[in-house]
N, C-alpha and C. Protein backbone atom coordinates (compact mmCIF):
# COMPACT_ATOMS: atom_id res chain seq x y z
N MET A 1 0.70 -1.34 0.15
CA MET A 1 -0.16 -0.20 0.00
C MET A 1 0.95 1.61 0.14
N ARG A 2 1.98 1.26 0.56
CA ARG A 2 3.04 2.26 0.81
C ARG A 2 3.43 2.74 -0.38
N THR A 3 3.67 1.48 -1.09
CA THR A 3 4.51 1.95 -2.61
C THR A 3 3.67 2.38 -3.46
N LEU A 4 2.42 1.89 -3.33
CA LEU A 4 1.18 2.68 -4.34
C LEU A 4 1.32 4.14 -4.10
N ILE A 5 0.85 4.35 -2.55
CA ILE A 5 0.55 5.80 -2.37
C ILE A 5 2.10 6.45 -2.72
N ALA A 6 3.22 6.07 -2.85
CA ALA A 6 4.67 6.79 -3.24
C ALA A 6 4.65 6.97 -4.59
N ALA A 7 3.92 5.83 -5.18
CA ALA A 7 3.76 6.00 -6.78
C ALA A 7 3.04 7.09 -7.16
N ILE A 8 1.67 7.17 -6.74
CA ILE A 8 0.71 8.15 -6.87
C ILE A 8 1.10 9.52 -6.48
N ALA A 9 1.95 9.67 -5.38
CA ALA A 9 2.35 10.95 -5.09
C ALA A 9 3.58 11.48 -6.15
N ALA A 10 4.56 10.56 -6.28
CA ALA A 10 5.33 10.82 -7.67
C ALA A 10 4.94 11.30 -8.78
N ALA A 11 3.54 10.53 -9.31
CA ALA A 11 3.23 10.76 -10.33
C ALA A 11 2.55 12.17 -10.40
N LEU A 12 1.94 12.63 -9.32
CA LEU A 12 1.34 13.78 -9.14
C LEU A 12 2.17 14.57 -9.41
N PHE A 13 3.28 14.81 -8.37
CA PHE A 13 4.70 15.65 -8.18
C PHE A 13 5.35 15.95 -9.81
N SER A 14 5.36 14.82 -10.61
CA SER A 14 6.06 14.89 -11.78
C SER A 14 4.93 15.65 -12.67
N THR A 15 3.78 15.53 -12.57
CA THR A 15 2.74 16.09 -13.44
C THR A 15 2.98 17.47 -13.35
N THR A 16 2.77 17.93 -11.95
CA THR A 16 2.99 19.17 -11.72
C THR A 16 4.32 20.14 -12.24
N VAL A 17 5.41 19.05 -12.35
CA VAL A 17 6.68 19.84 -12.46
C VAL A 17 6.38 19.97 -14.10
N LEU A 18 6.08 18.95 -14.60
CA LEU A 18 5.78 18.99 -16.11
C LEU A 18 4.94 19.95 -16.92
N ALA A 19 3.98 20.25 -15.98
CA ALA A 19 2.83 21.10 -16.47
C ALA A 19 3.66 22.96 -16.26
N GLN A 20 4.45 23.02 -15.74
CA GLN A 20 5.06 24.35 -15.62
C GLN A 20 5.94 24.78 -16.71
N PRO A 21 5.88 25.80 -17.14
CA PRO A 21 6.58 26.57 -18.34
C PRO A 21 7.91 26.39 -18.01
N GLN A 22 8.62 26.12 -19.09
CA GLN A 22 10.09 26.08 -19.21
C GLN A 22 10.66 27.40 -19.05
N LEU A 23 11.39 27.79 -18.38
CA LEU A 23 11.88 29.41 -18.35
C LEU A 23 13.45 29.66 -19.44
N ASN A 24 13.45 30.85 -20.03
CA ASN A 24 14.52 30.84 -20.94
C ASN A 24 15.19 31.93 -20.02
N LEU A 25 16.23 31.42 -19.66
CA LEU A 25 17.31 32.37 -18.70
C LEU A 25 18.36 32.91 -19.63
N HIS A 26 18.50 34.44 -19.41
CA HIS A 26 19.72 35.06 -20.24
C HIS A 26 20.48 35.57 -19.02
N TYR A 27 21.79 35.16 -19.00
CA TYR A 27 22.76 35.79 -17.74
C TYR A 27 23.36 37.19 -18.16
N VAL A 28 23.08 38.31 -18.09
CA VAL A 28 23.57 39.63 -18.95
C VAL A 28 25.11 39.55 -18.76
N HIS A 29 25.60 39.24 -17.61
CA HIS A 29 26.93 39.45 -17.79
C HIS A 29 27.88 38.24 -17.33
N ASP A 30 27.23 37.08 -17.57
CA ASP A 30 27.58 35.91 -17.57
C ASP A 30 28.33 35.64 -16.22
N SER A 31 27.95 36.23 -15.26
CA SER A 31 28.90 36.29 -13.81
C SER A 31 28.27 34.94 -13.15
N PRO A 32 29.23 34.50 -12.20
CA PRO A 32 29.07 33.49 -11.21
C PRO A 32 27.45 33.51 -10.75
N GLN A 33 27.52 34.94 -9.88
CA GLN A 33 26.22 35.07 -9.18
C GLN A 33 24.97 35.28 -9.69
N GLU A 34 25.01 35.68 -11.48
CA GLU A 34 23.89 35.64 -12.14
C GLU A 34 23.55 33.91 -12.31
N LYS A 35 24.75 33.21 -12.52
CA LYS A 35 24.33 31.63 -13.05
C LYS A 35 23.64 30.98 -11.60
N GLN A 36 23.96 31.24 -10.63
CA GLN A 36 23.78 30.72 -9.01
C GLN A 36 22.25 30.94 -8.89
N THR A 37 22.01 32.36 -9.37
CA THR A 37 20.51 32.89 -9.18
C THR A 37 19.74 32.30 -10.39
N GLY A 38 20.02 31.58 -11.20
CA GLY A 38 19.21 31.14 -12.45
C GLY A 38 19.19 29.82 -12.17
N GLU A 39 20.15 28.93 -11.26
CA GLU A 39 20.21 27.48 -10.55
C GLU A 39 19.22 27.62 -9.58
N GLN A 40 19.24 28.78 -8.66
CA GLN A 40 18.30 28.69 -7.36
C GLN A 40 16.91 28.82 -7.95
N LEU A 41 16.75 29.69 -9.19
CA LEU A 41 15.39 30.01 -9.61
C LEU A 41 14.63 28.48 -10.07
N LEU A 42 15.67 27.77 -11.32
CA LEU A 42 15.11 26.63 -11.54
C LEU A 42 14.98 25.71 -10.82
N ARG A 43 15.74 25.55 -9.52
CA ARG A 43 15.52 24.63 -8.42
C ARG A 43 14.07 24.86 -7.73
N LEU A 44 13.87 25.95 -7.54
CA LEU A 44 12.50 26.71 -6.98
C LEU A 44 11.32 26.19 -7.74
N MET A 45 11.70 26.18 -9.20
CA MET A 45 10.60 25.97 -10.20
C MET A 45 10.27 24.31 -10.12
N ASN A 46 10.86 23.52 -9.51
CA ASN A 46 11.01 22.05 -9.41
C ASN A 46 10.33 21.57 -7.85
N GLN A 47 10.61 22.77 -7.00
CA GLN A 47 9.76 22.63 -5.57
C GLN A 47 8.75 23.14 -5.66
N TYR A 48 8.13 24.37 -6.32
CA TYR A 48 6.93 24.87 -6.03
C TYR A 48 6.21 24.95 -7.53
N ASP A 49 4.95 24.53 -7.35
CA ASP A 49 3.84 24.72 -8.58
C ASP A 49 3.72 26.31 -8.91
N LEU A 50 4.33 26.99 -9.84
CA LEU A 50 4.25 28.65 -9.96
C LEU A 50 3.76 28.65 -11.31
N SER A 51 2.93 27.55 -11.97
CA SER A 51 2.28 27.56 -13.35
C SER A 51 1.33 28.89 -13.47
N LYS A 52 0.46 28.63 -12.31
CA LYS A 52 -0.37 29.87 -12.68
C LYS A 52 0.06 31.30 -12.60
N TRP A 53 1.35 31.50 -11.84
CA TRP A 53 1.96 32.98 -11.57
C TRP A 53 3.03 33.19 -12.58
N ILE A 54 3.10 32.49 -13.67
CA ILE A 54 4.05 32.94 -14.36
C ILE A 54 3.40 33.48 -16.10
N VAL A 55 3.76 34.70 -16.43
CA VAL A 55 3.32 34.96 -17.51
C VAL A 55 4.03 35.09 -18.90
N THR A 56 5.26 35.42 -18.32
CA THR A 56 6.44 35.12 -19.11
C THR A 56 7.53 34.28 -18.79
N GLN A 57 8.22 33.42 -20.24
CA GLN A 57 9.26 32.47 -19.74
C GLN A 57 10.75 33.41 -19.82
N ASP A 58 10.88 34.40 -20.32
CA ASP A 58 11.85 34.95 -20.94
C ASP A 58 12.32 35.86 -19.56
N ILE A 59 13.62 35.40 -18.81
CA ILE A 59 14.29 35.83 -17.82
C ILE A 59 15.33 36.36 -18.08
N ASN A 60 15.62 37.56 -17.61
CA ASN A 60 17.17 38.01 -17.90
C ASN A 60 17.66 37.91 -16.09
N ILE A 61 18.76 37.77 -15.98
CA ILE A 61 19.39 37.71 -14.60
C ILE A 61 20.53 38.60 -14.74
N GLU A 62 20.36 39.96 -14.15
CA GLU A 62 21.37 40.75 -14.24
C GLU A 62 21.97 41.16 -12.77
N GLU A 63 23.11 41.21 -12.51
CA GLU A 63 23.72 40.91 -11.17
C GLU A 63 23.39 42.45 -10.56
N HIS A 64 23.64 43.45 -11.04
CA HIS A 64 23.66 44.91 -10.43
C HIS A 64 22.36 45.57 -11.11
N THR A 65 21.51 45.47 -10.77
CA THR A 65 19.96 46.06 -11.65
C THR A 65 19.02 46.03 -10.19
N ILE A 66 17.91 46.85 -10.35
CA ILE A 66 16.59 46.81 -10.00
C ILE A 66 15.54 45.82 -10.74
N PRO A 67 15.19 44.87 -10.16
CA PRO A 67 14.23 43.85 -10.61
C PRO A 67 13.17 44.77 -11.42
N HIS A 68 12.87 44.73 -12.75
CA HIS A 68 11.86 45.21 -13.42
C HIS A 68 10.81 44.08 -14.39
N SER A 69 9.87 44.54 -14.97
CA SER A 69 9.31 43.47 -15.56
C SER A 69 9.33 43.72 -17.01
N ASN A 70 9.52 44.93 -17.51
CA ASN A 70 9.86 45.36 -18.70
C ASN A 70 11.15 45.94 -19.35
N PRO A 71 11.46 45.85 -20.60
CA PRO A 71 10.82 44.81 -21.64
C PRO A 71 11.16 43.44 -21.60
N VAL A 72 11.96 42.87 -20.48
CA VAL A 72 12.26 41.55 -20.54
C VAL A 72 12.09 41.50 -18.63
N LEU A 73 11.57 40.63 -18.41
CA LEU A 73 11.57 40.68 -16.61
C LEU A 73 12.93 40.04 -16.46
N THR A 74 13.43 41.22 -15.24
CA THR A 74 14.58 41.35 -15.03
C THR A 74 14.94 40.85 -13.46
N LEU A 75 15.71 39.96 -13.21
CA LEU A 75 16.12 39.78 -11.59
C LEU A 75 17.37 40.08 -11.44
N HIS A 76 17.56 40.68 -10.22
CA HIS A 76 18.98 40.83 -9.76
C HIS A 76 19.49 39.34 -8.98
N THR A 77 20.67 39.54 -8.15
CA THR A 77 21.30 38.35 -7.61
C THR A 77 21.36 38.74 -6.24
N ARG A 78 20.33 39.48 -5.79
CA ARG A 78 20.71 40.07 -4.08
C ARG A 78 20.07 38.88 -3.30
N HIS A 79 19.26 38.16 -3.70
CA HIS A 79 18.65 37.21 -2.87
C HIS A 79 18.92 35.69 -2.93
N LEU A 80 20.32 35.34 -3.26
CA LEU A 80 20.98 34.06 -3.35
C LEU A 80 20.82 33.32 -1.94
N LYS A 81 20.75 33.91 -0.88
CA LYS A 81 20.56 33.22 0.05
C LYS A 81 19.59 32.81 0.82
N ASP A 82 18.30 33.66 0.06
CA ASP A 82 16.92 33.78 0.46
C ASP A 82 16.16 33.34 -0.66
N ASP A 83 15.54 31.98 -0.52
CA ASP A 83 14.91 31.45 -1.68
C ASP A 83 13.53 32.08 -1.53
N ALA A 84 12.79 32.33 -0.48
CA ALA A 84 11.59 33.30 -0.45
C ALA A 84 11.39 34.51 -0.86
N LEU A 85 12.70 35.43 -0.61
CA LEU A 85 12.82 36.54 -1.31
C LEU A 85 12.77 36.22 -2.71
N LEU A 86 13.54 35.63 -3.41
CA LEU A 86 14.01 35.71 -4.68
C LEU A 86 12.48 35.11 -5.29
N LEU A 87 11.75 34.45 -4.73
CA LEU A 87 10.79 34.00 -5.50
C LEU A 87 9.39 34.79 -5.30
N SER A 88 9.42 35.47 -4.52
CA SER A 88 8.55 36.54 -4.18
C SER A 88 8.82 37.72 -4.73
N THR A 89 10.11 38.07 -5.48
CA THR A 89 10.54 39.00 -6.46
C THR A 89 9.78 38.40 -7.91
N PHE A 90 10.17 37.26 -8.08
CA PHE A 90 10.10 36.92 -9.38
C PHE A 90 8.37 36.81 -9.63
N VAL A 91 7.55 36.45 -8.65
CA VAL A 91 6.07 36.56 -8.64
C VAL A 91 6.05 38.03 -8.90
N HIS A 92 6.57 39.08 -8.02
CA HIS A 92 5.91 40.51 -8.24
C HIS A 92 6.37 41.09 -9.76
N GLU A 93 7.34 40.54 -10.10
CA GLU A 93 7.78 41.18 -11.55
C GLU A 93 6.53 40.45 -12.42
N GLN A 94 6.37 38.92 -12.33
CA GLN A 94 5.50 38.42 -13.08
C GLN A 94 3.94 38.81 -13.08
N MET A 95 3.56 39.54 -11.79
CA MET A 95 2.30 40.12 -11.57
C MET A 95 2.10 41.58 -12.29
N HIS A 96 2.97 42.13 -12.40
CA HIS A 96 3.23 43.31 -13.11
C HIS A 96 2.67 43.25 -14.79
N ARG A 97 3.20 42.23 -15.19
CA ARG A 97 3.11 41.80 -16.88
C ARG A 97 1.47 40.86 -16.78
N TYR A 98 1.17 40.43 -15.72
CA TYR A 98 -0.45 39.83 -15.76
C TYR A 98 -1.11 40.82 -15.79
N LEU A 99 -1.25 41.92 -15.19
CA LEU A 99 -2.09 42.97 -14.95
C LEU A 99 -2.03 44.05 -16.33
N VAL A 100 -1.17 44.23 -16.85
CA VAL A 100 -1.24 44.42 -18.38
C VAL A 100 -2.11 43.64 -19.01
N GLN A 101 -2.36 42.48 -19.01
CA GLN A 101 -3.09 41.71 -20.04
C GLN A 101 -4.43 41.67 -19.67
N HIS A 102 -4.68 42.18 -18.65
CA HIS A 102 -6.02 42.69 -18.12
C HIS A 102 -6.36 44.11 -18.09
N PRO A 103 -6.41 44.71 -19.35
CA PRO A 103 -6.63 46.14 -18.81
C PRO A 103 -7.84 46.66 -18.44
N GLU A 104 -8.98 46.08 -18.61
CA GLU A 104 -10.01 46.78 -18.28
C GLU A 104 -10.29 46.26 -16.87
N ASP A 105 -10.08 45.09 -16.57
CA ASP A 105 -10.31 44.64 -15.18
C ASP A 105 -9.43 45.68 -14.23
N PHE A 106 -7.99 45.77 -14.63
CA PHE A 106 -6.85 46.62 -14.01
C PHE A 106 -7.30 47.91 -13.51
N ALA A 107 -8.15 48.52 -14.79
CA ALA A 107 -8.46 49.76 -14.81
C ALA A 107 -9.69 50.06 -13.73
N GLN A 108 -10.48 49.41 -13.73
CA GLN A 108 -11.52 49.37 -12.65
C GLN A 108 -10.95 49.32 -11.19
N ALA A 109 -10.21 48.38 -11.15
CA ALA A 109 -9.54 48.36 -9.81
C ALA A 109 -8.74 49.45 -9.34
N VAL A 110 -7.66 49.96 -10.39
CA VAL A 110 -7.36 51.01 -9.96
C VAL A 110 -8.20 52.56 -9.51
N ALA A 111 -9.29 52.45 -10.39
CA ALA A 111 -10.59 53.65 -10.17
C ALA A 111 -10.62 53.39 -8.58
N GLU A 112 -11.10 51.92 -8.11
CA GLU A 112 -11.49 52.14 -7.05
C GLU A 112 -10.38 52.48 -5.88
N LEU A 113 -9.59 51.89 -5.89
CA LEU A 113 -7.94 52.10 -5.21
C LEU A 113 -8.10 53.61 -5.11
N LYS A 114 -8.29 54.62 -6.20
CA LYS A 114 -7.85 55.91 -6.06
C LYS A 114 -9.11 56.51 -5.37
N LYS A 115 -10.28 56.00 -5.07
CA LYS A 115 -11.23 56.65 -4.27
C LYS A 115 -11.12 56.16 -2.99
N LEU A 116 -10.44 55.00 -2.60
CA LEU A 116 -10.04 54.63 -1.07
C LEU A 116 -8.89 55.23 -0.68
N TYR A 117 -7.84 55.50 -1.61
CA TYR A 117 -6.49 56.42 -1.31
C TYR A 117 -6.30 57.17 -2.14
N PRO A 118 -6.62 58.50 -1.83
CA PRO A 118 -6.55 59.42 -2.67
C PRO A 118 -5.43 60.19 -2.84
N LYS A 119 -4.50 59.97 -1.69
CA LYS A 119 -3.15 60.58 -1.66
C LYS A 119 -2.39 59.39 -1.04
N THR A 120 -1.07 59.27 -1.77
CA THR A 120 -0.25 58.21 -1.89
C THR A 120 0.99 59.13 -1.80
N PRO A 121 1.89 58.45 -0.78
CA PRO A 121 3.81 59.06 -0.98
C PRO A 121 4.17 58.82 -2.75
N VAL A 122 4.89 59.52 -3.10
CA VAL A 122 5.55 59.14 -4.34
C VAL A 122 7.12 59.14 -3.90
N GLY A 123 7.71 58.27 -4.55
CA GLY A 123 9.06 57.82 -4.30
C GLY A 123 9.68 57.33 -3.33
N TYR A 124 10.72 56.91 -3.79
CA TYR A 124 11.42 55.90 -2.79
C TYR A 124 11.99 56.55 -1.42
N PRO A 125 11.68 55.50 -0.22
CA PRO A 125 11.39 54.25 -0.13
C PRO A 125 10.13 53.95 0.24
N GLN A 126 9.24 54.96 0.31
CA GLN A 126 7.83 54.63 0.44
C GLN A 126 6.75 54.13 -0.42
N GLY A 127 7.08 55.06 -1.67
CA GLY A 127 6.23 54.38 -2.72
C GLY A 127 7.03 54.29 -4.10
N SER A 128 6.01 54.29 -5.08
CA SER A 128 6.67 54.16 -6.39
C SER A 128 6.97 55.21 -6.99
N ASP A 129 7.76 55.79 -8.27
CA ASP A 129 8.25 56.88 -8.74
C ASP A 129 6.92 57.49 -9.26
N THR A 130 5.62 57.06 -9.30
CA THR A 130 4.74 57.82 -9.70
C THR A 130 3.40 57.43 -8.83
N ARG A 131 2.58 58.35 -8.99
CA ARG A 131 1.06 58.02 -8.32
C ARG A 131 0.36 56.76 -8.77
N ASP A 132 0.39 57.03 -10.15
CA ASP A 132 -0.38 55.74 -10.90
C ASP A 132 0.63 54.36 -10.57
N GLY A 133 2.01 54.35 -10.19
CA GLY A 133 2.90 53.26 -10.07
C GLY A 133 2.24 52.89 -8.56
N ASN A 134 1.96 53.61 -7.92
CA ASN A 134 1.61 53.11 -6.42
C ASN A 134 0.43 52.42 -6.57
N TYR A 135 -0.75 52.98 -7.18
CA TYR A 135 -1.85 52.25 -7.26
C TYR A 135 -1.60 50.64 -7.98
N GLU A 136 -0.67 50.51 -9.14
CA GLU A 136 -0.63 49.42 -9.99
C GLU A 136 0.12 48.85 -8.63
N HIS A 137 0.88 49.02 -7.86
CA HIS A 137 1.94 48.25 -6.79
C HIS A 137 0.83 47.82 -5.98
N PHE A 138 -0.01 48.41 -5.32
CA PHE A 138 -1.21 47.92 -4.64
C PHE A 138 -1.58 46.60 -5.16
N LEU A 139 -2.05 46.41 -6.22
CA LEU A 139 -2.43 45.27 -6.79
C LEU A 139 -1.53 44.09 -6.61
N VAL A 140 -0.28 44.52 -7.41
CA VAL A 140 0.95 43.81 -7.65
C VAL A 140 1.30 43.25 -6.40
N ILE A 141 1.34 43.89 -5.19
CA ILE A 141 1.76 43.36 -3.89
C ILE A 141 0.49 42.81 -3.16
N ASP A 142 -0.37 42.65 -3.36
CA ASP A 142 -1.44 41.78 -2.94
C ASP A 142 -1.37 40.58 -3.86
N LEU A 143 -1.12 40.54 -5.03
CA LEU A 143 -1.04 39.31 -5.85
C LEU A 143 0.31 38.56 -5.34
N GLU A 144 1.22 39.45 -5.10
CA GLU A 144 2.13 38.74 -4.89
C GLU A 144 2.24 37.88 -3.48
N TRP A 145 1.52 38.67 -2.42
CA TRP A 145 1.52 37.83 -1.30
C TRP A 145 0.32 36.87 -1.35
N GLN A 146 -0.59 37.04 -1.78
CA GLN A 146 -1.51 35.91 -2.38
C GLN A 146 -0.86 34.77 -2.97
N ALA A 147 0.21 34.77 -3.85
CA ALA A 147 0.96 33.69 -4.02
C ALA A 147 2.18 33.06 -2.86
N ASP A 148 2.44 34.09 -2.22
CA ASP A 148 3.39 33.51 -1.14
C ASP A 148 2.76 32.54 -0.22
N ARG A 149 1.23 33.27 -0.07
CA ARG A 149 0.58 32.49 1.14
C ARG A 149 0.51 31.12 0.36
N GLU A 150 0.35 30.91 -0.50
CA GLU A 150 -0.04 29.74 -1.38
C GLU A 150 1.32 28.95 -1.51
N LEU A 151 2.38 29.47 -1.81
CA LEU A 151 3.47 28.72 -1.98
C LEU A 151 4.14 28.24 -0.80
N PHE A 152 3.93 29.45 0.30
CA PHE A 152 5.06 29.19 1.54
C PHE A 152 4.33 28.95 2.96
N GLY A 153 2.83 29.28 2.66
CA GLY A 153 2.25 29.25 4.04
C GLY A 153 2.19 30.83 4.55
N GLU A 154 1.05 30.65 5.70
CA GLU A 154 0.77 32.23 6.10
C GLU A 154 1.97 32.73 6.61
N LEU A 155 2.48 32.01 7.83
CA LEU A 155 3.57 32.55 8.61
C LEU A 155 4.60 33.28 7.87
N ALA A 156 5.34 32.35 6.92
CA ALA A 156 6.26 32.49 5.78
C ALA A 156 5.97 33.46 5.31
N ALA A 157 4.75 33.67 4.55
CA ALA A 157 4.48 34.60 3.51
C ALA A 157 4.48 36.12 4.48
N ARG A 158 3.90 36.06 5.42
CA ARG A 158 3.79 37.33 6.21
C ARG A 158 5.28 37.75 6.54
N GLN A 159 5.81 36.91 6.94
CA GLN A 159 7.30 37.71 7.15
C GLN A 159 7.96 37.91 5.85
N VAL A 160 7.91 37.53 4.95
CA VAL A 160 8.70 38.17 3.37
C VAL A 160 7.85 39.53 3.22
N MET A 161 6.59 39.76 3.28
CA MET A 161 6.14 40.76 3.21
C MET A 161 6.45 41.99 4.30
N GLU A 162 6.46 41.64 5.46
CA GLU A 162 7.21 42.31 6.57
C GLU A 162 8.81 42.98 6.18
N PHE A 163 9.34 42.08 5.67
CA PHE A 163 10.81 42.14 5.27
C PHE A 163 10.46 43.54 4.23
N TRP A 164 9.50 43.04 3.01
CA TRP A 164 9.56 44.35 2.24
C TRP A 164 8.88 45.42 2.55
N ALA A 165 8.45 45.62 3.59
CA ALA A 165 7.73 46.82 4.45
C ALA A 165 8.76 47.47 4.83
N HIS A 166 9.78 47.16 4.95
CA HIS A 166 10.84 47.87 5.61
C HIS A 166 12.09 48.02 4.53
N ASP A 167 12.07 47.64 3.60
CA ASP A 167 12.92 47.46 2.41
C ASP A 167 12.71 48.81 1.35
N HIS A 168 11.59 48.61 0.64
CA HIS A 168 11.43 49.35 -0.35
C HIS A 168 9.64 49.30 -0.57
N TYR A 169 9.22 50.28 -1.32
CA TYR A 169 7.84 50.55 -1.38
C TYR A 169 7.21 50.51 0.22
N THR A 170 7.50 50.98 1.04
CA THR A 170 7.32 50.64 2.68
C THR A 170 5.98 50.98 2.89
N TRP A 171 5.64 52.14 2.23
CA TRP A 171 4.23 52.29 2.50
C TRP A 171 3.32 51.69 1.96
N ILE A 172 3.53 51.30 0.92
CA ILE A 172 2.72 50.43 0.17
C ILE A 172 2.33 49.40 0.43
N TYR A 173 3.46 48.49 1.05
CA TYR A 173 3.95 47.19 1.77
C TYR A 173 2.88 47.25 2.87
N GLN A 174 3.30 48.04 3.77
CA GLN A 174 2.56 48.29 4.83
C GLN A 174 0.67 48.76 4.60
N THR A 175 0.47 49.20 4.04
CA THR A 175 -0.80 49.61 3.56
C THR A 175 -1.52 47.93 3.48
N VAL A 176 -0.82 47.47 2.40
CA VAL A 176 -1.49 46.15 2.03
C VAL A 176 -1.45 45.22 3.31
N LEU A 177 -0.24 45.27 3.87
CA LEU A 177 -0.53 44.24 5.26
C LEU A 177 -1.57 44.75 6.30
N ASP A 178 -1.51 45.97 6.62
CA ASP A 178 -2.68 46.59 7.48
C ASP A 178 -4.09 46.14 6.80
N HIS A 179 -4.47 46.02 5.57
CA HIS A 179 -5.48 46.03 5.16
C HIS A 179 -5.72 44.86 4.10
N ARG A 180 -5.05 43.78 4.49
CA ARG A 180 -5.16 42.59 3.59
C ARG A 180 -6.58 42.00 2.74
N ASN A 181 -7.68 42.12 3.81
CA ASN A 181 -8.53 41.56 3.20
C ASN A 181 -9.47 42.69 2.34
N GLN A 182 -9.27 43.81 2.60
CA GLN A 182 -9.77 44.87 1.55
C GLN A 182 -9.00 44.56 0.29
N PHE A 183 -7.88 44.42 0.05
CA PHE A 183 -7.18 44.63 -0.96
C PHE A 183 -7.45 43.02 -1.63
N ASP A 184 -7.61 41.99 -0.95
CA ASP A 184 -8.00 40.57 -1.50
C ASP A 184 -9.28 40.94 -2.15
N ASP A 185 -10.09 41.44 -1.61
CA ASP A 185 -11.56 41.60 -2.10
C ASP A 185 -11.82 42.40 -3.40
N ILE A 186 -10.72 43.79 -3.50
CA ILE A 186 -11.07 44.12 -4.62
C ILE A 186 -10.02 43.37 -5.60
N VAL A 187 -8.95 42.83 -5.83
CA VAL A 187 -8.32 41.74 -6.72
C VAL A 187 -9.48 40.81 -7.36
N ARG A 188 -10.43 40.08 -6.03
CA ARG A 188 -11.29 39.06 -6.16
C ARG A 188 -12.52 39.93 -7.10
N LYS A 189 -12.81 40.73 -6.75
CA LYS A 189 -13.98 41.43 -7.43
C LYS A 189 -13.78 41.99 -8.96
N HIS A 190 -12.73 42.32 -9.18
CA HIS A 190 -12.33 42.68 -10.38
C HIS A 190 -11.43 41.78 -11.06
N HIS A 191 -11.63 40.40 -10.68
CA HIS A 191 -11.48 38.97 -11.58
C HIS A 191 -9.75 39.36 -11.80
N LEU A 192 -8.81 39.61 -10.85
CA LEU A 192 -7.53 39.74 -11.12
C LEU A 192 -6.57 38.78 -10.85
N LEU A 193 -6.98 37.46 -9.88
CA LEU A 193 -6.50 36.58 -9.48
C LEU A 193 -6.32 35.45 -10.47
N PRO A 194 -4.83 35.08 -10.77
CA PRO A 194 -4.55 34.27 -11.76
C PRO A 194 -5.46 32.85 -11.27
N GLY A 195 -5.78 32.13 -12.24
CA GLY A 195 -5.98 30.71 -12.19
C GLY A 195 -7.76 30.59 -11.53
N VAL A 196 -8.34 31.77 -11.17
CA VAL A 196 -9.59 31.66 -11.10
C VAL A 196 -10.68 31.78 -12.63
């Protein structure tokens, strides 16, 4: 019986892994840290089912950059020693691209957020570079947190969000932390949760 259960579990795991998109990694400077980050990301792809959180498979890894989603999703090498922070960053950048693919729902959610939060801080470290960027980040960060909860569990996901709330977009992360249910509801109401 144990052999049968193990075989079923192995089949389910391999199906999950095979169903995930394959990443096309490009190492911008071909440095050892970039290659290690790529290996780390591929290992995490085998450990977690990220299929519903992946929008683009083309990934640049560039040692000394700020992660960004366009024109090519680009990660840095800062989180070599922290799988959760790397994966959370990866999902964050994917969710920027995801929202762009749902322009009407995205615009409606932003309109609702502008009424709820008419004033937001612009600029590092509290906010994005623009007011509109803040509203986009409200949604991206909520989606990132929902992914983290699904992938890592509630406690670890909260720890990641609290780290970010003291690192960058500090006011935005803290606001999402303080009003999680409100942001979760807005994302659901406007049909912006992947895989639903």
